[in-house]
Amino acid sequence: MVHLMSAYREFEAVQRAMKILMTDMNSKLI
């Protein structure tokens, strides 16, 4: 159960990083 929570937190961190990366890419293109 604890492992599942840590995996979910890791997934959330990856999603946040991807979102930041996408925003960064968009700002560079404009």
PDB file of N, CA and C in Angstrom:
ATOM      1  N   MET A   1       0.838  -1.203   0.000  1.00  0.00           N
ATOM      2  CA  MET A   1       0.000   0.000   0.000  1.00  0.00           C
ATOM      3  C   MET A   1       0.878   1.260   0.000  1.00  0.00           C
ATOM      4  N   VAL A   2       1.925   1.224   0.830  1.00  0.00           N
ATOM      5  CA  VAL A   2       2.843   2.363   0.894  1.00  0.00           C
ATOM      6  C   VAL A   2       3.569   2.507  -0.435  1.00  0.00           C
ATOM      7  N   HIS A   3       3.905   1.363  -1.044  1.00  0.00           N
ATOM      8  CA  HIS A   3       4.598   1.362  -2.330  1.00  0.00           C
ATOM      9  C   HIS A   3       3.720   2.009  -3.395  1.00  0.00           C
ATOM     10  N   LEU A   4       2.428   1.755  -3.326  1.00  0.00           N
ATOM     11  CA  LEU A   4       1.479   2.313  -4.291  1.00  0.00           C
ATOM     12  C   LEU A   4       1.432   3.836  -4.162  1.00  0.00           C
ATOM     13  N   MET A   5       1.452   4.322  -2.935  1.00  0.00           N
ATOM     14  CA  MET A   5       1.423   5.765  -2.695  1.00  0.00           C
ATOM     15  C   MET A   5       2.679   6.435  -3.236  1.00  0.00           C
ATOM     16  N   SER A   6       3.830   5.809  -3.009  1.00  0.00           N
ATOM     17  CA  SER A   6       5.091   6.377  -3.497  1.00  0.00           C
ATOM     18  C   SER A   6       5.120   6.369  -5.017  1.00  0.00           C
ATOM     19  N   ALA A   7       4.557   5.326  -5.618  1.00  0.00           N
ATOM     20  CA  ALA A   7       4.519   5.222  -7.076  1.00  0.00           C
ATOM     21  C   ALA A   7       3.601   6.310  -7.638  1.00  0.00           C
ATOM     22  N   TYR A   8       2.491   6.565  -6.953  1.00  0.00           N
ATOM     23  CA  TYR A   8       1.547   7.598  -7.390  1.00  0.00           C
ATOM     24  C   TYR A   8       2.186   8.979  -7.287  1.00  0.00           C
ATOM     25  N   ARG A   9       2.940   9.192  -6.205  1.00  0.00           N
ATOM     26  CA  ARG A   9       3.604  10.477  -5.999  1.00  0.00           C
ATOM     27  C   ARG A   9       4.654  10.695  -7.086  1.00  0.00           C
ATOM     28  N   GLU A  10       5.338   9.613  -7.449  1.00  0.00           N
ATOM     29  CA  GLU A  10       6.357   9.669  -8.499  1.00  0.00           C
ATOM     30  C   GLU A  10       5.697  10.014  -9.828  1.00  0.00           C
ATOM     31  N   PHE A  11       4.547   9.390 -10.109  1.00  0.00           N
ATOM     32  CA  PHE A  11       3.797   9.639 -11.337  1.00  0.00           C
ATOM     33  C   PHE A  11       3.338  11.094 -11.400  1.00  0.00           C
ATOM     34  N   GLU A  12       2.913  11.616 -10.256  1.00  0.00           N
ATOM     35  CA  GLU A  12       2.457  13.003 -10.169  1.00  0.00           C
ATOM     36  C   GLU A  12       3.614  13.956 -10.469  1.00  0.00           C
ATOM     37  N   ALA A  13       4.799  13.630  -9.946  1.00  0.00           N
ATOM     38  CA  ALA A  13       5.987  14.458 -10.168  1.00  0.00           C
ATOM     39  C   ALA A  13       6.362  14.464 -11.644  1.00  0.00           C
ATOM     40  N   VAL A  14       6.239  13.305 -12.297  1.00  0.00           N
ATOM     41  CA  VAL A  14       6.559  13.194 -13.722  1.00  0.00           C
ATOM     42  C   VAL A  14       5.584  14.041 -14.537  1.00  0.00           C
ATOM     43  N   GLN A  15       4.301  13.973 -14.186  1.00  0.00           N
ATOM     44  CA  GLN A  15       3.289  14.760 -14.897  1.00  0.00           C
ATOM     45  C   GLN A  15       3.570  16.255 -14.765  1.00  0.00           C
ATOM     46  N   ARG A  16       3.972  16.661 -13.551  1.00  0.00           N
ATOM     47  CA  ARG A  16       4.273  18.069 -13.315  1.00  0.00           C
ATOM     48  C   ARG A  16       5.476  18.498 -14.152  1.00  0.00           C
ATOM     49  N   ALA A  17       6.485  17.641 -14.213  1.00  0.00           N
ATOM     50  CA  ALA A  17       7.689  17.935 -14.993  1.00  0.00           C
ATOM     51  C   ALA A  17       7.351  18.049 -16.476  1.00  0.00           C
ATOM     52  N   MET A  18       6.484  17.155 -16.955  1.00  0.00           N
ATOM     53  CA  MET A  18       6.081  17.180 -18.364  1.00  0.00           C
ATOM     54  C   MET A  18       5.326  18.472 -18.682  1.00  0.00           C
ATOM     55  N   LYS A  19       4.465  18.881 -17.757  1.00  0.00           N
ATOM     56  CA  LYS A  19       3.682  20.103 -17.938  1.00  0.00           C
ATOM     57  C   LYS A  19       4.607  21.316 -18.035  1.00  0.00           C
ATOM     58  N   ILE A  20       5.608  21.365 -17.149  1.00  0.00           N
ATOM     59  CA  ILE A  20       6.575  22.465 -17.155  1.00  0.00           C
ATOM     60  C   ILE A  20       7.363  22.451 -18.454  1.00  0.00           C
ATOM     61  N   LEU A  21       7.738  21.254 -18.898  1.00  0.00           N
ATOM     62  CA  LEU A  21       8.518  21.109 -20.127  1.00  0.00           C
ATOM     63  C   LEU A  21       7.715  21.585 -21.331  1.00  0.00           C
ATOM     64  N   MET A  22       6.448  21.214 -21.376  1.00  0.00           N
ATOM     65  CA  MET A  22       5.581  21.610 -22.484  1.00  0.00           C
ATOM     66  C   MET A  22       5.413  23.133 -22.517  1.00  0.00           C
ATOM     67  N   THR A  23       5.214  23.733 -21.365  1.00  0.00           N
ATOM     68  CA  THR A  23       5.063  25.183 -21.274  1.00  0.00           C
ATOM     69  C   THR A  23       6.343  25.866 -21.733  1.00  0.00           C
ATOM     70  N   ASP A  24       7.483  25.300 -21.348  1.00  0.00           N
ATOM     71  CA  ASP A  24       8.778  25.854 -21.733  1.00  0.00           C
ATOM     72  C   ASP A  24       8.956  25.788 -23.245  1.00  0.00           C
ATOM     73  N   MET A  25       8.567  24.671 -23.835  1.00  0.00           N
ATOM     74  CA  MET A  25       8.684  24.490 -25.282  1.00  0.00           C
ATOM     75  C   MET A  25       7.792  25.493 -26.014  1.00  0.00           C
ATOM     76  N   ASN A  26       6.569  25.671 -25.529  1.00  0.00           N
ATOM     77  CA  ASN A  26       5.623  26.600 -26.152  1.00  0.00           C
ATOM     78  C   ASN A  26       6.132  28.037 -26.090  1.00  0.00           C
ATOM     79  N   SER A  27       6.726  28.412 -24.960  1.00  0.00           N
ATOM     80  CA  SER A  27       7.233  29.778 -24.823  1.00  0.00           C
ATOM     81  C   SER A  27       8.425  30.007 -25.748  1.00  0.00           C
ATOM     82  N   LYS A  28       9.181  28.949 -26.034  1.00  0.00           N
ATOM     83  CA  LYS A  28      10.325  29.066 -26.941  1.00  0.00           C
ATOM     84  C   LYS A  28       9.852  29.203 -28.389  1.00  0.00           C
ATOM     85  N   LEU A  29       8.766  28.513 -28.729  1.00  0.00           N
ATOM     86  CA  LEU A  29       8.252  28.543 -30.100  1.00  0.00           C
ATOM     87  C   LEU A  29       7.639  29.894 -30.443  1.00  0.00           C
ATOM     88  N   ILE A  30       6.994  30.501 -29.457  1.00  0.00           N
ATOM     89  CA  ILE A  30       6.319  31.780 -29.710  1.00  0.00           C
ATOM     90  C   ILE A  30       7.357  32.906 -29.837  1.00  0.00           C
TER      91      ILE A  30
END
